[in-house]
């Protein structure tokens, strides 16, 4: 589970969050490390990009979603900053490296 809170308004031009609705129902998809911006994980299966929804948000809004939800954002093409506070949760009973969700979380 992740909670994303923009600290400034987040528009499409600023690279707001994008999601593929219902994609979390597919579970963890094969992924690999890629050179693509600041997040270097990418899904290796076909993505239904035509189903993508942009989630522009106001500063202080809260967006909660499963780590399994296919999500991304474009780069910020404005002069304004795009800062956010992001919290990821995982049950304490999940052993390190023993659950599919752990594999997609980056170490702190």
N, C-alpha and C. Protein backbone atom coordinates (compact mmCIF):
# COMPACT_ATOMS: atom_id res chain seq x y z
N UNK A 1 0.85 -1.16 0.00
CA UNK A 1 0.00 0.00 0.00
C UNK A 1 0.89 1.23 0.00
N UNK A 2 0.59 2.15 -0.87
CA UNK A 2 1.31 3.42 -0.92
C UNK A 2 0.33 4.56 -0.76
N UNK A 3 0.78 5.62 -0.10
CA UNK A 3 0.01 6.85 0.04
C UNK A 3 0.86 7.96 -0.54
N UNK A 4 0.31 8.67 -1.52
CA UNK A 4 1.02 9.74 -2.23
C UNK A 4 0.30 11.05 -1.94
N UNK A 5 1.02 12.02 -1.38
CA UNK A 5 0.44 13.32 -1.03
C UNK A 5 1.26 14.41 -1.71
N UNK A 6 0.70 15.08 -2.71
CA UNK A 6 1.46 16.17 -3.35
C UNK A 6 1.61 17.35 -2.39
N UNK A 7 2.80 17.92 -2.36
CA UNK A 7 3.06 19.10 -1.53
C UNK A 7 2.80 20.39 -2.31
N UNK A 8 2.72 20.28 -3.63
CA UNK A 8 2.29 21.35 -4.52
C UNK A 8 1.25 20.75 -5.46
N UNK A 9 0.45 21.60 -6.09
CA UNK A 9 -0.49 21.08 -7.08
C UNK A 9 0.28 20.28 -8.12
N UNK A 10 -0.32 19.19 -8.56
CA UNK A 10 0.33 18.30 -9.53
C UNK A 10 -0.56 18.21 -10.77
N UNK A 11 -0.13 18.83 -11.86
CA UNK A 11 -0.89 18.86 -13.11
C UNK A 11 -0.27 17.88 -14.11
N UNK A 12 -0.93 17.71 -15.23
CA UNK A 12 -0.37 16.85 -16.28
C UNK A 12 0.98 17.37 -16.74
N UNK A 13 1.10 18.71 -16.92
CA UNK A 13 2.38 19.27 -17.36
C UNK A 13 3.48 19.09 -16.32
N UNK A 14 3.09 18.98 -15.06
CA UNK A 14 4.08 18.75 -14.00
C UNK A 14 4.34 17.26 -13.78
N UNK A 15 3.74 16.41 -14.58
CA UNK A 15 3.97 14.97 -14.47
C UNK A 15 3.16 14.33 -13.38
N UNK A 16 1.86 14.63 -13.34
CA UNK A 16 1.00 14.03 -12.31
C UNK A 16 1.01 12.50 -12.42
N UNK A 17 0.56 11.87 -11.37
CA UNK A 17 0.50 10.42 -11.32
C UNK A 17 -0.43 9.90 -12.41
N UNK A 18 -0.04 8.77 -13.02
CA UNK A 18 -0.87 8.07 -13.99
C UNK A 18 -1.05 6.64 -13.49
N UNK A 19 -2.24 6.08 -13.69
CA UNK A 19 -2.50 4.71 -13.26
C UNK A 19 -3.25 3.95 -14.35
N UNK A 20 -3.13 2.64 -14.30
CA UNK A 20 -3.94 1.75 -15.14
C UNK A 20 -4.97 1.14 -14.19
N UNK A 21 -6.24 1.60 -14.24
CA UNK A 21 -7.25 1.09 -13.30
C UNK A 21 -7.36 -0.43 -13.34
N UNK A 22 -7.56 -1.00 -12.18
CA UNK A 22 -7.77 -2.44 -12.00
C UNK A 22 -6.53 -3.29 -12.27
N UNK A 23 -5.41 -2.67 -12.65
CA UNK A 23 -4.21 -3.48 -12.98
C UNK A 23 -3.65 -4.19 -11.76
N UNK A 24 -3.97 -3.72 -10.56
CA UNK A 24 -3.49 -4.40 -9.35
C UNK A 24 -4.06 -5.81 -9.23
N UNK A 25 -5.19 -6.07 -9.90
CA UNK A 25 -5.79 -7.41 -9.84
C UNK A 25 -4.95 -8.47 -10.54
N UNK A 26 -4.00 -8.06 -11.36
CA UNK A 26 -3.11 -9.00 -12.06
C UNK A 26 -1.99 -9.49 -11.15
N UNK A 27 -1.82 -8.86 -9.99
CA UNK A 27 -0.73 -9.23 -9.09
C UNK A 27 0.60 -8.69 -9.62
N UNK A 28 1.67 -9.18 -9.04
CA UNK A 28 3.00 -8.72 -9.44
C UNK A 28 3.31 -9.20 -10.85
N UNK A 29 3.68 -8.27 -11.71
CA UNK A 29 4.04 -8.57 -13.09
C UNK A 29 5.55 -8.67 -13.22
N UNK A 30 6.04 -9.45 -14.20
CA UNK A 30 7.49 -9.52 -14.41
C UNK A 30 8.05 -8.11 -14.65
N UNK A 31 9.18 -7.82 -14.04
CA UNK A 31 9.78 -6.50 -14.17
C UNK A 31 11.29 -6.64 -14.21
N UNK A 32 11.93 -5.59 -14.66
CA UNK A 32 13.39 -5.58 -14.69
C UNK A 32 13.87 -4.15 -14.50
N UNK A 33 15.16 -4.02 -14.27
CA UNK A 33 15.75 -2.70 -14.11
C UNK A 33 15.94 -2.06 -15.48
N UNK A 34 15.54 -0.82 -15.59
CA UNK A 34 15.63 -0.09 -16.85
C UNK A 34 16.21 1.29 -16.57
N UNK A 35 16.80 1.88 -17.56
CA UNK A 35 17.30 3.25 -17.44
C UNK A 35 16.23 4.18 -17.96
N UNK A 36 15.35 4.64 -17.03
CA UNK A 36 14.23 5.48 -17.47
C UNK A 36 13.87 6.49 -16.38
N UNK A 37 14.70 7.45 -16.16
CA UNK A 37 14.40 8.47 -15.18
C UNK A 37 14.89 8.09 -13.80
N UNK A 38 14.15 8.53 -12.77
CA UNK A 38 14.60 8.28 -11.41
C UNK A 38 14.18 6.94 -10.86
N UNK A 39 13.11 6.37 -11.39
CA UNK A 39 12.69 5.02 -10.98
C UNK A 39 13.18 4.05 -12.04
N UNK A 40 14.01 3.13 -11.65
CA UNK A 40 14.63 2.24 -12.62
C UNK A 40 13.99 0.86 -12.69
N UNK A 41 12.73 0.73 -12.29
CA UNK A 41 12.01 -0.53 -12.45
C UNK A 41 10.96 -0.34 -13.53
N UNK A 42 10.82 -1.34 -14.39
CA UNK A 42 9.82 -1.27 -15.44
C UNK A 42 9.18 -2.62 -15.65
N UNK A 43 7.90 -2.62 -15.99
CA UNK A 43 7.16 -3.86 -16.23
C UNK A 43 7.56 -4.42 -17.58
N UNK A 44 7.75 -5.73 -17.64
CA UNK A 44 8.19 -6.39 -18.87
C UNK A 44 7.03 -6.93 -19.71
N UNK A 45 5.80 -6.79 -19.23
CA UNK A 45 4.65 -7.27 -19.98
C UNK A 45 3.95 -6.08 -20.63
N UNK A 46 3.06 -6.36 -21.56
CA UNK A 46 2.35 -5.28 -22.26
C UNK A 46 1.45 -4.53 -21.29
N UNK A 47 1.42 -3.23 -21.42
CA UNK A 47 0.62 -2.37 -20.56
C UNK A 47 -0.53 -1.80 -21.39
N UNK A 48 -1.73 -1.82 -20.83
CA UNK A 48 -2.92 -1.30 -21.53
C UNK A 48 -2.92 0.22 -21.43
N UNK A 49 -2.00 0.86 -22.12
CA UNK A 49 -1.82 2.31 -22.01
C UNK A 49 -3.08 3.08 -22.41
N UNK A 50 -3.92 2.51 -23.27
CA UNK A 50 -5.15 3.19 -23.67
C UNK A 50 -6.13 3.30 -22.49
N UNK A 51 -5.94 2.50 -21.45
CA UNK A 51 -6.79 2.56 -20.25
C UNK A 51 -6.25 3.52 -19.20
N UNK A 52 -5.11 4.12 -19.46
CA UNK A 52 -4.44 4.99 -18.49
C UNK A 52 -5.32 6.15 -18.08
N UNK A 53 -5.26 6.47 -16.79
CA UNK A 53 -5.94 7.66 -16.27
C UNK A 53 -4.92 8.56 -15.60
N UNK A 54 -5.00 9.85 -15.89
CA UNK A 54 -4.15 10.84 -15.25
C UNK A 54 -4.84 11.27 -13.96
N UNK A 55 -4.06 11.47 -12.90
CA UNK A 55 -4.61 11.86 -11.62
C UNK A 55 -4.04 13.20 -11.17
N UNK A 56 -4.43 14.30 -11.82
CA UNK A 56 -3.98 15.60 -11.31
C UNK A 56 -4.51 15.76 -9.89
N UNK A 57 -3.72 16.38 -9.04
CA UNK A 57 -4.10 16.50 -7.63
C UNK A 57 -3.69 17.85 -7.09
N UNK A 58 -4.43 18.31 -6.11
CA UNK A 58 -4.11 19.55 -5.43
C UNK A 58 -3.17 19.27 -4.25
N UNK A 59 -2.40 20.26 -3.88
CA UNK A 59 -1.52 20.12 -2.72
C UNK A 59 -2.35 19.66 -1.53
N UNK A 60 -1.89 18.62 -0.85
CA UNK A 60 -2.58 18.10 0.33
C UNK A 60 -3.57 17.00 0.04
N UNK A 61 -3.91 16.76 -1.23
CA UNK A 61 -4.78 15.62 -1.55
C UNK A 61 -4.06 14.34 -1.15
N UNK A 62 -4.81 13.27 -0.99
CA UNK A 62 -4.22 11.97 -0.66
C UNK A 62 -4.64 10.96 -1.71
N UNK A 63 -3.67 10.27 -2.30
CA UNK A 63 -3.93 9.20 -3.27
C UNK A 63 -3.37 7.92 -2.67
N UNK A 64 -4.24 6.93 -2.42
CA UNK A 64 -3.81 5.65 -1.86
C UNK A 64 -3.98 4.57 -2.92
N UNK A 65 -2.97 3.69 -3.02
CA UNK A 65 -3.07 2.63 -4.02
C UNK A 65 -2.16 1.46 -3.67
N UNK A 66 -2.47 0.32 -4.21
CA UNK A 66 -1.68 -0.89 -4.02
C UNK A 66 -0.37 -0.77 -4.77
N UNK A 67 0.68 -1.34 -4.21
CA UNK A 67 1.97 -1.36 -4.90
C UNK A 67 1.88 -2.15 -6.21
N UNK A 68 0.86 -2.99 -6.33
CA UNK A 68 0.68 -3.78 -7.55
C UNK A 68 0.00 -2.98 -8.67
N UNK A 69 -0.58 -1.82 -8.36
CA UNK A 69 -1.23 -1.00 -9.37
C UNK A 69 -0.17 -0.43 -10.31
N UNK A 70 -0.35 -0.64 -11.59
CA UNK A 70 0.60 -0.09 -12.56
C UNK A 70 0.46 1.42 -12.55
N UNK A 71 1.57 2.11 -12.25
CA UNK A 71 1.54 3.56 -12.13
C UNK A 71 2.86 4.14 -12.63
N UNK A 72 2.78 5.40 -13.01
CA UNK A 72 3.97 6.09 -13.54
C UNK A 72 3.68 7.58 -13.56
N UNK A 73 4.66 8.35 -13.97
CA UNK A 73 4.45 9.77 -14.25
C UNK A 73 5.49 10.21 -15.26
N UNK A 74 5.13 11.23 -16.02
CA UNK A 74 6.08 11.83 -16.94
C UNK A 74 6.92 12.84 -16.18
N UNK A 75 7.95 13.34 -16.81
CA UNK A 75 8.76 14.38 -16.21
C UNK A 75 8.00 15.70 -16.14
N UNK A 76 8.47 16.57 -15.29
CA UNK A 76 7.89 17.89 -15.11
C UNK A 76 8.44 18.82 -16.19
N UNK A 77 7.56 19.34 -17.04
CA UNK A 77 8.01 20.22 -18.14
C UNK A 77 7.72 21.69 -17.84
N UNK A 78 7.44 21.99 -16.57
CA UNK A 78 7.17 23.38 -16.18
C UNK A 78 8.34 23.90 -15.34
N UNK A 79 8.26 25.17 -15.01
CA UNK A 79 9.26 25.78 -14.12
C UNK A 79 8.90 25.57 -12.65
N UNK A 80 7.71 25.04 -12.38
CA UNK A 80 7.26 24.82 -11.01
C UNK A 80 7.80 23.50 -10.48
N UNK A 81 7.95 23.42 -9.16
CA UNK A 81 8.40 22.17 -8.54
C UNK A 81 7.24 21.18 -8.46
N UNK A 82 7.60 19.90 -8.37
CA UNK A 82 6.62 18.84 -8.14
C UNK A 82 7.16 18.00 -6.99
N UNK A 83 6.78 18.35 -5.79
CA UNK A 83 7.22 17.60 -4.62
C UNK A 83 6.04 16.83 -4.05
N UNK A 84 6.33 15.68 -3.46
CA UNK A 84 5.28 14.87 -2.85
C UNK A 84 5.86 14.12 -1.65
N UNK A 85 4.98 13.77 -0.75
CA UNK A 85 5.32 12.93 0.39
C UNK A 85 4.74 11.57 0.10
N UNK A 86 5.57 10.53 0.14
CA UNK A 86 5.14 9.18 -0.23
C UNK A 86 5.45 8.24 0.93
N UNK A 87 4.44 7.47 1.33
CA UNK A 87 4.60 6.48 2.38
C UNK A 87 4.17 5.13 1.81
N UNK A 88 4.99 4.11 2.03
CA UNK A 88 4.64 2.75 1.61
C UNK A 88 4.54 1.87 2.84
N UNK A 89 3.51 1.04 2.89
CA UNK A 89 3.25 0.16 4.03
C UNK A 89 3.34 -1.29 3.59
N UNK A 90 3.89 -2.11 4.46
CA UNK A 90 3.89 -3.55 4.25
C UNK A 90 3.73 -4.21 5.61
N UNK A 91 2.91 -5.24 5.70
CA UNK A 91 2.67 -5.92 6.97
C UNK A 91 3.98 -6.39 7.59
N UNK A 92 4.07 -6.28 8.90
CA UNK A 92 5.27 -6.71 9.62
C UNK A 92 5.47 -8.21 9.53
N UNK A 93 4.41 -8.96 9.25
CA UNK A 93 4.53 -10.42 9.17
C UNK A 93 5.19 -10.89 7.89
N UNK A 94 5.36 -9.99 6.92
CA UNK A 94 5.99 -10.36 5.65
C UNK A 94 7.50 -10.34 5.85
N UNK A 95 8.12 -11.49 5.65
CA UNK A 95 9.56 -11.57 5.80
C UNK A 95 10.29 -10.86 4.68
N UNK A 96 11.42 -10.30 4.98
CA UNK A 96 12.20 -9.57 3.97
C UNK A 96 12.51 -10.48 2.79
N UNK A 97 12.08 -10.08 1.64
CA UNK A 97 12.37 -10.84 0.43
C UNK A 97 11.49 -12.05 0.19
N UNK A 98 10.51 -12.30 1.08
CA UNK A 98 9.69 -13.49 0.94
C UNK A 98 8.32 -13.24 0.33
N UNK A 99 7.99 -12.02 0.05
CA UNK A 99 6.68 -11.70 -0.49
C UNK A 99 6.85 -10.91 -1.78
N UNK A 100 5.91 -11.10 -2.69
CA UNK A 100 6.01 -10.44 -3.99
C UNK A 100 6.08 -8.92 -3.88
N UNK A 101 5.30 -8.33 -2.94
CA UNK A 101 5.29 -6.87 -2.84
C UNK A 101 6.64 -6.34 -2.40
N UNK A 102 7.33 -7.04 -1.52
CA UNK A 102 8.63 -6.57 -1.04
C UNK A 102 9.59 -6.36 -2.20
N UNK A 103 9.49 -7.19 -3.22
CA UNK A 103 10.42 -7.14 -4.33
C UNK A 103 10.33 -5.85 -5.14
N UNK A 104 9.19 -5.16 -5.08
CA UNK A 104 9.05 -3.94 -5.87
C UNK A 104 9.37 -2.68 -5.06
N UNK A 105 9.53 -2.82 -3.75
CA UNK A 105 9.88 -1.66 -2.93
C UNK A 105 11.37 -1.43 -2.98
N UNK A 106 11.76 -0.17 -3.08
CA UNK A 106 13.19 0.17 -3.09
C UNK A 106 13.67 0.33 -1.66
N UNK A 107 14.90 -0.04 -1.38
CA UNK A 107 15.42 0.16 -0.01
C UNK A 107 15.54 1.65 0.28
N UNK A 108 15.41 1.99 1.55
CA UNK A 108 15.52 3.39 1.97
C UNK A 108 16.96 3.84 1.93
